[in-house]
Protein backbone atom coordinates (compact mmCIF):
# COMPACT_ATOMS: atom_id res chain seq x y z
CA MET A 1 57.51 29.63 156.70
CA ARG A 2 58.20 28.50 160.26
CA PRO A 3 55.61 26.35 161.99
CA GLN A 4 52.93 28.44 163.63
CA LEU A 5 52.97 29.44 167.27
CA ARG A 6 50.48 27.60 169.41
CA PHE A 7 48.26 29.75 171.59
CA ALA A 8 48.20 28.59 175.16
CA ALA A 9 49.97 28.39 178.31
CA VAL A 10 52.82 26.40 176.96
CA VAL A 11 56.17 25.24 178.41
CA ALA A 12 58.33 22.34 179.34
CA THR A 13 62.00 21.43 179.24
CA VAL A 14 64.54 20.34 176.72
CA LEU A 15 67.12 18.63 178.86
CA LEU A 16 68.08 16.29 176.03
CA PHE A 17 66.76 16.26 172.49
CA ALA A 18 66.35 12.87 170.88
CA PRO A 19 69.79 11.94 169.52
CA GLY A 20 70.35 12.51 165.83
CA ARG A 21 66.86 13.76 165.01
CA SER A 22 65.92 17.24 163.85
CA PHE A 23 62.45 18.37 164.84
CA ALA A 24 62.64 21.70 163.05
CA GLY A 25 59.84 22.30 160.60
CA ASP A 26 57.55 19.37 161.47
CA HIS A 27 55.33 21.00 164.08
CA HIS A 28 52.15 23.01 163.62
CA PHE A 29 49.72 25.07 165.67
CA VAL A 30 47.58 23.38 168.30
CA PRO A 31 45.49 24.94 171.09
CA HIS A 32 46.62 24.85 174.71
CA SER A 33 43.85 26.61 176.49
CA ILE A 34 41.35 23.86 177.07
CA TYR A 35 37.63 24.02 176.38
CA VAL A 36 36.09 21.52 178.78
CA ALA A 37 32.32 21.58 178.47
CA LYS A 38 29.25 23.76 178.29
CA ALA A 39 28.33 25.07 181.74
CA GLU A 40 24.63 24.42 181.94
CA PHE A 41 23.29 26.99 184.36
CA SER A 42 21.44 29.65 182.38
CA PRO A 43 18.90 30.85 183.26
CA TYR A 44 19.88 29.53 186.71
CA THR A 45 20.57 32.62 188.83
CA ALA A 46 21.06 31.29 192.35
CA PRO A 47 24.16 32.52 194.25
CA ALA A 48 26.15 29.44 193.19
CA ARG A 49 25.92 27.81 189.76
CA PRO A 50 25.73 24.00 189.80
CA CYS A 51 29.34 23.40 188.79
CA GLU A 52 30.54 25.75 191.55
CA THR A 53 29.48 23.27 194.24
CA ARG A 54 30.54 19.98 192.67
CA TYR A 55 32.90 17.51 194.28
CA PHE A 56 36.57 17.78 193.40
CA ASP A 57 36.47 14.08 192.52
CA ARG A 58 34.62 14.26 189.22
CA SER A 59 33.55 10.61 189.45
CA LEU A 60 31.11 11.77 192.15
CA ASN A 61 29.62 14.25 189.67
CA GLY A 62 28.96 11.83 186.83
CA GLY A 63 32.31 12.71 185.30
CA ASN A 64 31.74 16.48 185.34
CA PRO A 65 34.39 18.83 186.77
CA ALA A 66 33.92 21.45 189.45
CA CYS A 67 34.30 25.05 188.32
CA TYR A 68 35.12 28.50 189.70
CA ALA A 69 33.63 31.93 189.11
CA PRO A 70 35.47 35.20 189.88
CA ALA A 71 34.41 35.40 193.54
CA ALA A 72 36.09 32.09 194.45
CA ILE A 73 39.29 32.82 192.53
CA ARG A 74 39.58 36.29 194.06
CA ALA A 75 39.08 34.89 197.54
CA ALA A 76 41.56 32.06 196.99
CA TYR A 77 44.37 34.40 196.04
CA GLY A 78 43.69 37.26 198.43
CA VAL A 79 42.40 39.65 195.77
CA THR A 80 39.01 40.40 197.35
CA PRO A 81 40.27 42.71 200.13
CA MET A 82 42.37 44.67 197.66
CA ILE A 83 39.46 45.19 195.28
CA ASN A 84 37.22 46.17 198.19
CA ALA A 85 39.87 48.73 199.13
CA GLY A 86 39.76 50.23 195.63
CA ILE A 87 42.86 48.52 194.24
CA THR A 88 41.31 47.49 190.93
CA GLY A 89 43.91 48.40 188.30
CA LYS A 90 42.37 51.83 187.84
CA GLY A 91 44.47 54.01 185.56
CA ARG A 92 46.46 51.06 184.19
CA THR A 93 46.14 49.21 180.86
CA ILE A 94 46.43 45.48 180.19
CA VAL A 95 47.38 44.34 176.68
CA ILE A 96 46.13 40.92 175.56
CA LEU A 97 47.99 39.53 172.53
CA ASP A 98 46.18 36.84 170.54
CA ALA A 99 45.71 35.85 166.91
CA TYR A 100 42.54 36.69 164.93
CA GLY A 101 40.63 37.87 168.00
CA SER A 102 36.90 37.33 168.38
CA PRO A 103 34.00 39.10 166.67
CA THR A 104 32.04 39.08 169.94
CA ALA A 105 34.84 39.92 172.38
CA LEU A 106 33.16 43.04 173.81
CA ALA A 107 29.65 41.57 173.95
CA ASP A 108 31.01 38.42 175.60
CA LEU A 109 32.86 40.47 178.22
CA GLN A 110 29.66 42.38 178.93
CA ALA A 111 27.73 39.11 179.34
CA PHE A 112 30.45 37.84 181.69
CA ASP A 113 30.25 41.04 183.74
CA ALA A 114 26.46 40.96 183.90
CA GLU A 115 26.43 37.36 185.14
CA PHE A 116 28.96 37.96 187.91
CA GLY A 117 28.04 41.50 188.92
CA LEU A 118 31.26 43.07 187.63
CA PRO A 119 31.58 46.58 186.21
CA ASP A 120 32.52 46.82 182.57
CA PRO A 121 36.12 48.03 182.10
CA PRO A 122 36.58 51.78 181.72
CA SER A 123 37.78 51.12 178.19
CA PHE A 124 37.95 48.08 175.91
CA LYS A 125 39.63 48.45 172.53
CA VAL A 126 40.55 46.02 169.80
CA VAL A 127 43.56 46.61 167.56
CA THR A 128 43.15 44.43 164.48
CA MET A 129 46.49 44.09 162.73
CA PRO A 130 46.66 44.65 158.94
CA GLY A 131 45.91 41.52 156.96
CA THR A 132 43.71 39.88 159.60
CA PRO A 133 41.04 37.86 157.75
CA ALA A 134 37.36 38.06 158.51
CA PHE A 135 36.31 35.69 161.27
CA ASP A 136 35.13 32.35 159.88
CA VAL A 137 33.01 30.22 162.20
CA ASN A 138 33.85 27.21 160.02
CA ASP A 139 37.60 27.69 160.49
CA SER A 140 38.68 25.65 163.53
CA ASN A 141 41.80 27.76 163.94
CA HIS A 142 39.74 30.95 164.15
CA MET A 143 37.39 29.29 166.64
CA MET A 144 40.19 28.10 168.90
CA TRP A 145 41.74 31.56 169.00
CA ALA A 146 38.36 33.10 169.74
CA GLN A 147 38.09 30.75 172.72
CA GLU A 148 41.55 31.85 173.84
CA THR A 149 40.62 35.50 173.42
CA SER A 150 37.48 35.06 175.53
CA LEU A 151 39.39 33.38 178.34
CA ASP A 152 42.18 35.96 178.38
CA VAL A 153 40.02 39.08 178.20
CA GLN A 154 37.36 38.02 180.68
CA TRP A 155 39.72 36.74 183.36
CA ALA A 156 42.25 39.56 183.16
CA HIS A 157 39.27 41.84 183.74
CA ALA A 158 37.94 39.70 186.60
CA ILE A 159 41.14 40.32 188.56
CA ALA A 160 41.62 43.97 187.55
CA PRO A 161 38.10 45.29 186.93
CA GLY A 162 39.23 48.91 186.93
CA ALA A 163 41.95 48.50 184.29
CA LYS A 164 41.60 49.36 180.64
CA ILE A 165 42.01 46.45 178.24
CA ILE A 166 43.47 46.51 174.74
CA LEU A 167 43.20 43.33 172.68
CA VAL A 168 45.79 43.13 169.90
CA ALA A 169 44.54 40.68 167.26
CA ALA A 170 47.43 39.46 165.10
CA ALA A 171 46.79 38.66 161.43
CA SER A 172 47.51 34.97 162.04
CA ASN A 173 49.18 32.70 164.55
CA SER A 174 52.49 32.59 162.69
CA GLU A 175 55.50 33.68 164.72
CA ASP A 176 56.05 36.71 162.49
CA ASP A 177 52.44 37.95 162.65
CA LEU A 178 52.27 37.57 166.41
CA LEU A 179 55.62 39.34 166.69
CA ALA A 180 54.21 42.19 164.61
CA GLY A 181 51.39 42.48 167.15
CA LEU A 182 53.84 42.47 170.04
CA ASN A 183 56.03 45.11 168.40
CA TYR A 184 52.97 47.27 167.76
CA ALA A 185 51.97 47.09 171.42
CA ILE A 186 55.50 48.01 172.51
CA ASP A 187 56.07 50.74 169.91
CA LYS A 188 52.72 52.41 170.61
CA LYS A 189 53.13 52.00 174.38
CA LEU A 190 49.64 50.56 174.58
CA GLY A 191 49.95 49.33 178.17
CA ASP A 192 52.30 48.52 181.02
CA VAL A 193 51.56 44.79 181.21
CA ILE A 194 51.20 42.26 178.36
CA SER A 195 49.70 38.77 178.53
CA ILE A 196 50.96 36.08 176.10
CA SER A 197 49.13 32.74 175.97
CA PHE A 198 50.91 30.89 173.19
CA GLY A 199 54.20 29.30 172.24
CA GLU A 200 55.92 26.37 170.60
CA SER A 201 58.41 23.80 171.75
CA GLU A 202 62.03 24.85 171.76
CA ALA A 203 62.62 21.61 169.85
CA PHE A 204 61.15 23.27 166.74
CA LEU A 205 63.34 26.35 167.01
CA ARG A 206 66.76 24.75 166.51
CA ASP A 207 67.28 25.30 162.77
CA ALA A 208 68.48 28.57 161.23
CA ASP A 209 65.01 30.03 160.76
CA GLY A 210 63.94 28.93 164.22
CA LEU A 211 66.91 30.69 165.75
CA ARG A 212 65.99 33.76 163.69
CA VAL A 213 62.53 33.64 165.26
CA VAL A 214 64.05 33.53 168.73
CA ARG A 215 66.42 36.41 168.00
CA THR A 216 63.64 38.66 166.69
CA TRP A 217 61.34 37.83 169.59
CA GLU A 218 64.12 38.41 172.11
CA LYS A 219 64.83 41.79 170.57
CA ALA A 220 61.18 42.76 171.12
CA LEU A 221 61.03 41.33 174.64
CA LYS A 222 64.20 43.18 175.63
CA ARG A 223 62.64 46.41 174.30
CA ALA A 224 59.56 45.76 176.43
CA ARG A 225 61.82 45.23 179.43
CA ALA A 226 63.72 48.44 178.71
CA GLN A 227 60.42 50.34 178.50
CA ASN A 228 59.32 49.01 181.91
CA ILE A 229 56.59 46.77 180.48
CA THR A 230 55.78 43.55 182.33
CA VAL A 231 55.33 40.50 180.07
CA PHE A 232 53.73 37.23 181.19
CA ALA A 233 53.84 34.02 179.14
CA ALA A 234 51.89 30.85 179.84
CA THR A 235 53.90 27.64 180.11
CA GLY A 236 51.73 24.97 178.54
CA ASP A 237 49.32 22.17 179.19
CA GLN A 238 51.30 19.00 178.41
CA GLY A 239 53.41 19.00 181.55
CA SER A 240 57.07 18.18 180.97
CA THR A 241 56.64 17.93 177.19
CA ASN A 242 54.78 19.67 174.34
CA ILE A 243 52.45 18.95 171.46
CA ALA A 244 54.14 17.45 168.38
CA ASP A 245 51.36 17.69 165.77
CA ASP A 246 47.78 18.74 165.10
CA PHE A 247 46.44 15.45 166.46
CA GLY A 248 47.57 16.04 170.04
CA ASP A 249 50.57 13.71 169.90
CA VAL A 250 53.48 14.79 172.06
CA LEU A 251 57.25 14.85 171.90
CA PRO A 252 58.68 11.81 173.76
CA PHE A 253 61.22 13.76 175.84
CA GLN A 254 61.33 16.68 178.24
CA ASN A 255 61.12 20.04 176.51
CA VAL A 256 59.90 23.57 177.20
CA SER A 257 58.04 26.12 175.13
CA TYR A 258 59.12 29.50 173.86
CA PRO A 259 58.47 32.40 174.57
CA ALA A 260 57.76 31.20 178.12
CA SER A 261 61.38 30.07 178.31
CA SER A 262 62.67 33.56 177.52
CA PRO A 263 64.62 35.06 180.45
CA ASN A 264 62.86 38.35 179.63
CA VAL A 265 59.34 37.20 180.53
CA THR A 266 57.65 35.93 183.67
CA ALA A 267 56.55 32.37 182.95
CA VAL A 268 53.27 31.22 184.53
CA GLY A 269 52.74 27.53 185.29
CA GLY A 270 49.69 25.69 186.56
CA THR A 271 48.12 24.34 189.73
CA ASN A 272 45.02 22.44 190.74
CA LEU A 273 43.27 24.80 193.14
CA PHE A 274 40.99 23.45 195.87
CA PHE A 275 38.70 26.17 197.19
CA GLY A 276 35.49 25.39 199.03
CA VAL A 277 34.61 23.01 201.82
CA GLU A 278 36.14 19.63 202.47
CA GLY A 279 35.86 17.53 199.32
CA GLN A 280 33.94 19.95 197.13
CA ALA A 281 33.94 23.41 195.64
CA ASP A 282 31.96 26.16 197.33
CA PRO A 283 32.22 29.88 196.48
CA ASN A 284 31.57 30.67 200.15
CA GLY A 285 34.26 28.28 201.33
CA LYS A 286 37.96 28.79 201.94
CA TYR A 287 41.36 28.09 200.43
CA LEU A 288 42.04 24.39 201.00
CA GLY A 289 45.32 24.08 199.14
CA GLU A 290 46.88 23.47 195.73
CA THR A 291 48.91 20.82 193.97
CA ALA A 292 51.03 20.97 190.83
CA TRP A 293 48.52 20.85 188.00
CA ASN A 294 48.12 17.31 186.74
CA ASP A 295 44.65 15.99 185.98
CA ALA A 296 45.90 12.51 185.03
CA PRO A 297 44.68 10.97 188.33
CA GLN A 298 41.17 11.91 187.21
CA GLY A 299 41.65 10.42 183.75
CA ILE A 300 42.39 13.70 181.95
CA SER A 301 45.72 14.04 180.13
CA PHE A 302 46.70 17.63 180.85
CA ALA A 303 49.31 19.07 183.20
CA GLY A 304 51.18 22.30 183.83
CA GLY A 305 54.27 23.06 181.76
CA GLY A 306 57.64 23.33 183.45
CA GLY A 307 61.25 22.35 183.03
CA VAL A 308 64.67 23.48 181.82
CA SER A 309 65.39 25.51 178.69
CA ALA A 310 67.80 24.23 176.06
CA LEU A 311 68.08 27.67 174.43
CA PHE A 312 68.84 30.00 177.34
CA GLY A 313 71.50 30.04 180.00
CA ARG A 314 70.68 30.51 183.66
CA PRO A 315 69.71 34.15 184.24
CA GLY A 316 71.21 36.08 187.12
CA TYR A 317 67.98 36.06 189.10
CA GLN A 318 68.13 32.25 189.33
CA ALA A 319 71.79 32.17 190.41
CA THR A 320 70.91 32.38 194.10
CA LEU A 321 68.50 29.45 194.17
CA PRO A 322 69.57 26.59 196.48
CA ALA A 323 72.54 24.54 195.35
CA ALA A 324 70.46 21.42 194.63
CA THR A 325 68.12 23.44 192.43
CA ARG A 326 71.02 25.05 190.58
CA ARG A 327 72.43 21.60 189.85
CA GLN A 328 69.04 20.63 188.42
CA LEU A 329 69.14 23.66 186.12
CA ALA A 330 72.67 22.79 184.92
CA MET A 331 73.38 26.45 184.07
CA HIS A 332 70.15 26.84 182.08
CA ARG A 333 66.94 28.87 182.49
CA GLY A 334 64.27 27.06 184.48
CA ILE A 335 60.51 27.67 184.27
CA PRO A 336 57.89 28.45 185.50
CA ASP A 337 58.62 31.49 187.63
CA VAL A 338 55.17 31.48 189.27
CA ALA A 339 51.95 29.50 189.03
CA TYR A 340 48.16 29.88 189.10
CA ASN A 341 45.03 27.76 188.92
CA ALA A 342 44.91 26.03 185.52
CA GLY A 343 43.24 22.67 186.06
CA ILE A 344 40.31 21.24 184.18
CA ILE A 345 39.31 20.02 187.62
CA GLY A 346 38.46 23.47 188.91
CA GLY A 347 38.25 25.20 185.53
CA VAL A 348 36.93 28.73 185.15
CA LEU A 349 33.68 29.96 183.63
CA VAL A 350 33.99 31.82 180.31
CA TYR A 351 31.29 33.22 178.01
CA PHE A 352 31.28 32.31 174.29
CA GLY A 353 29.02 34.39 172.05
CA PHE A 354 30.61 33.46 168.72
CA VAL A 355 29.27 29.89 168.68
CA PRO A 356 25.88 28.71 167.36
CA ASP A 357 24.73 28.01 170.93
CA PRO A 358 26.08 30.94 173.00
CA GLY A 359 26.61 30.59 176.71
CA PHE A 360 29.06 29.83 179.49
CA VAL A 361 31.65 27.08 179.25
CA ILE A 362 34.32 25.67 181.59
CA MET A 363 37.93 26.22 180.51
CA GLY A 364 41.32 25.22 181.86
CA GLY A 365 44.92 25.86 180.87
CA THR A 366 47.85 27.98 181.95
CA SER A 367 46.59 30.71 179.61
CA ALA A 368 44.15 31.65 182.35
CA GLY A 369 47.02 32.14 184.77
CA ALA A 370 49.02 34.42 182.48
CA ALA A 371 46.02 36.70 181.96
CA GLN A 372 45.17 36.79 185.67
CA TRP A 373 48.75 37.50 186.70
CA ALA A 374 48.57 40.43 184.24
CA GLY A 375 45.50 41.60 186.16
CA LEU A 376 47.32 41.24 189.48
CA ILE A 377 50.20 43.39 188.28
CA ALA A 378 47.81 46.01 186.93
CA ASP A 379 46.38 46.17 190.46
CA LEU A 380 49.86 46.46 191.96
CA ASN A 381 50.81 49.13 189.43
CA GLN A 382 47.86 51.20 190.63
CA ALA A 383 48.81 50.59 194.26
CA VAL A 384 52.41 51.78 193.84
CA GLY A 385 51.59 54.50 191.30
CA ARG A 386 53.86 53.29 188.51
CA SER A 387 54.65 50.35 186.29
CA LEU A 388 56.66 47.69 188.10
CA GLY A 389 58.14 46.59 184.78
CA PHE A 390 60.28 43.48 184.52
CA LEU A 391 59.44 41.37 187.55
CA ASN A 392 61.84 38.50 187.79
CA ASN A 393 64.83 40.06 189.57
CA HIS A 394 62.63 41.31 192.37
CA LEU A 395 60.23 38.39 192.20
CA TYR A 396 63.05 36.04 193.14
CA ASN A 397 64.09 38.40 195.94
CA VAL A 398 60.50 38.39 197.22
CA GLY A 399 60.40 34.60 196.88
CA ARG A 400 63.50 34.20 199.04
CA LEU A 401 62.08 36.62 201.58
CA GLY A 402 58.92 34.54 201.62
CA MET A 403 60.98 31.55 202.70
CA ASN A 404 62.15 33.53 205.75
CA GLU A 405 59.45 33.08 208.37
CA ARG A 406 60.89 35.72 210.68
CA ALA A 407 60.80 38.30 207.87
CA GLU A 408 57.23 37.35 207.08
CA ARG A 409 56.14 37.87 210.66
CA ARG A 410 57.85 41.25 210.64
CA TRP A 411 55.98 42.48 207.59
CA SER A 412 52.60 40.78 207.88
CA ASP A 413 50.57 38.44 210.02
CA ARG A 414 48.56 37.13 207.07
CA GLY A 415 50.81 34.31 206.01
CA LYS A 416 53.15 33.44 203.19
CA LEU A 417 53.89 35.67 200.20
CA PHE A 418 53.11 32.78 197.90
CA HIS A 419 51.11 29.63 198.28
CA ASP A 420 54.13 27.34 198.18
CA ILE A 421 53.05 24.24 196.27
CA LYS A 422 54.76 21.15 197.66
CA VAL A 423 52.64 18.30 196.27
CA GLY A 424 52.37 16.79 192.80
CA ASP A 425 54.39 16.70 189.59
CA ASN A 426 53.95 17.53 185.91
CA GLY A 427 54.78 14.18 184.32
CA PHE A 428 52.79 13.48 181.16
CA CYS A 429 51.62 10.35 179.37
CA GLY A 430 50.29 10.35 175.81
CA THR A 431 51.16 9.12 172.33
CA ASP A 432 54.02 10.16 170.08
CA VAL A 433 53.74 10.86 166.34
CA ASP A 434 54.15 7.13 165.64
CA TRP A 435 51.20 6.33 167.95
CA ASN A 436 53.44 4.76 170.55
CA SER A 437 52.45 5.25 174.17
CA VAL A 438 54.97 7.45 175.93
CA CYS A 439 55.31 8.76 179.47
CA VAL A 440 57.65 11.71 179.90
CA PRO A 441 58.95 12.05 183.47
CA GLY A 442 57.96 15.26 185.16
CA PHE A 443 59.30 17.55 187.84
CA SER A 444 58.04 17.47 191.41
CA ALA A 445 56.69 20.34 193.44
CA ALA A 446 58.83 21.03 196.50
CA LYS A 447 59.43 23.60 199.20
CA GLY A 448 60.41 26.92 197.67
CA TRP A 449 61.00 27.35 193.95
CA ASP A 450 60.62 24.28 191.74
CA LEU A 451 60.30 23.28 188.07
CA ALA A 452 56.62 22.37 188.39
CA THR A 453 55.16 25.52 189.99
CA GLY A 454 57.98 28.07 190.34
CA TRP A 455 57.51 30.08 193.52
CA GLY A 456 53.86 29.02 193.64
CA SER A 457 50.62 30.96 193.38
CA PRO A 458 50.05 34.45 194.79
CA ASN A 459 48.85 35.37 198.24
CA PHE A 460 48.07 38.79 196.88
CA GLY A 461 47.46 40.77 200.04
CA VAL A 462 50.85 39.83 201.46
CA LEU A 463 52.61 40.01 198.10
CA ALA A 464 51.31 43.53 197.50
CA ALA A 465 52.51 44.69 200.92
CA LEU A 466 56.01 43.32 200.46
CA TYR A 467 56.62 43.86 196.78
CA GLU A 468 57.05 47.61 197.04
CA HIS A 469 59.50 47.16 199.92
CA VAL A 470 61.74 44.85 197.92
CA HIS A 471 61.20 46.86 194.74
CA GLY A 472 62.31 50.09 196.36
CA HIS A 473 64.98 50.77 193.74
CA HIS A 474 65.53 49.85 190.11
CA ASP A 475 67.73 46.78 189.86
CA ASP A 476 67.76 45.29 186.37
CA CYS A 477 70.77 43.01 186.43
CA ASP A 478 70.30 40.41 183.74
CA VAL A 479 73.69 38.72 183.65
CA GLU A 480 73.44 35.10 182.54
CA ASP A 481 75.92 32.66 183.99
């Protein structure tokens, strides 16, 4: 049996594997969405919860991080005007793929909606795959996946409150069981956008069975692409590397995670979002900027995944990136494609009802970004009246257009298509399996597309206006150089 897929926003790069060493078969499941802390605000019902107005520097808050609720995230990414105009994902369906699911997924979503004044989705269904065991509160694996499920469901809904949601709960977090869930969603045409928040390092997929896993997953992802289904995959929370074992040790070299590295998905990396007033969060504030997600300066060892694939050649949609960037890719697939808020500093509020002490918690991780990008595309699908399908060919066209200031002024006076992240990197320091301290060099954010944040985070109002223009005809070239 292959090592189990890790749920999360997982990615990185395998530029060079450690010489002479095989990593196949010695890696196991670990979580990559990050539970930070209980959010102590119930029954506090003022307009802003305490963590929503904390300083961005957590040392000024006694070590506690600032947090965001839906209103701030929507405002930061230009979603509020679209929702106010009725662009809510109505008539579209988002599929969330996770293992095990959560016994309180619906009740937790309803508690989330009640707290933040959101409507319940028009439909919420759970597909429990055959062989899924009963939820066990004493099983840490079940609990971690329930946390992931809560994050994914609640925040996809926060961005697309009018969309239907179908949660596909795989029988386990093995590659084959999760693939069975993905195939079910594709075969049954459950929805037109799928969110994936898990993966494992490409370093563990190099033996014969690992390559079998990749082939079977690619077959499914190509079928999704052919059926005009958009698939998002989170890129990971250990920056330029990935988890090596169940204890949180990391691989001591650059590597990326699969399936985020697949050329047939849109890979979502992470940022630290700063929304509020100068120096602190405030839901009534404004967008202050973003950096490549890396919480190390605040003493927290998590960062956004990104780097170069060792398994996949450079896809056609990356062939027109600037020459210096193409040299960095060295004829391989680079990720992420886009980014979104993922930091623990500025984590999001999520409701847990499956724990002994139910309530809201703060969570981080690129998983949140994959689910929210799925919500964004559900909104866009409603706006254009059809499924946009595979994004990357046109996403890169839109990204290049966004670098053309004259074109931007022609189509909108509201600014850039993406928040272009130009500050920070995703280097990561931790311990390897031998308990040695290691620091894996990261990739720097830069103007335009980069290996830390892709094209950046969405400026949704502008992106929605331009996407249909660029997506005016079906262009699905997928030639790899």
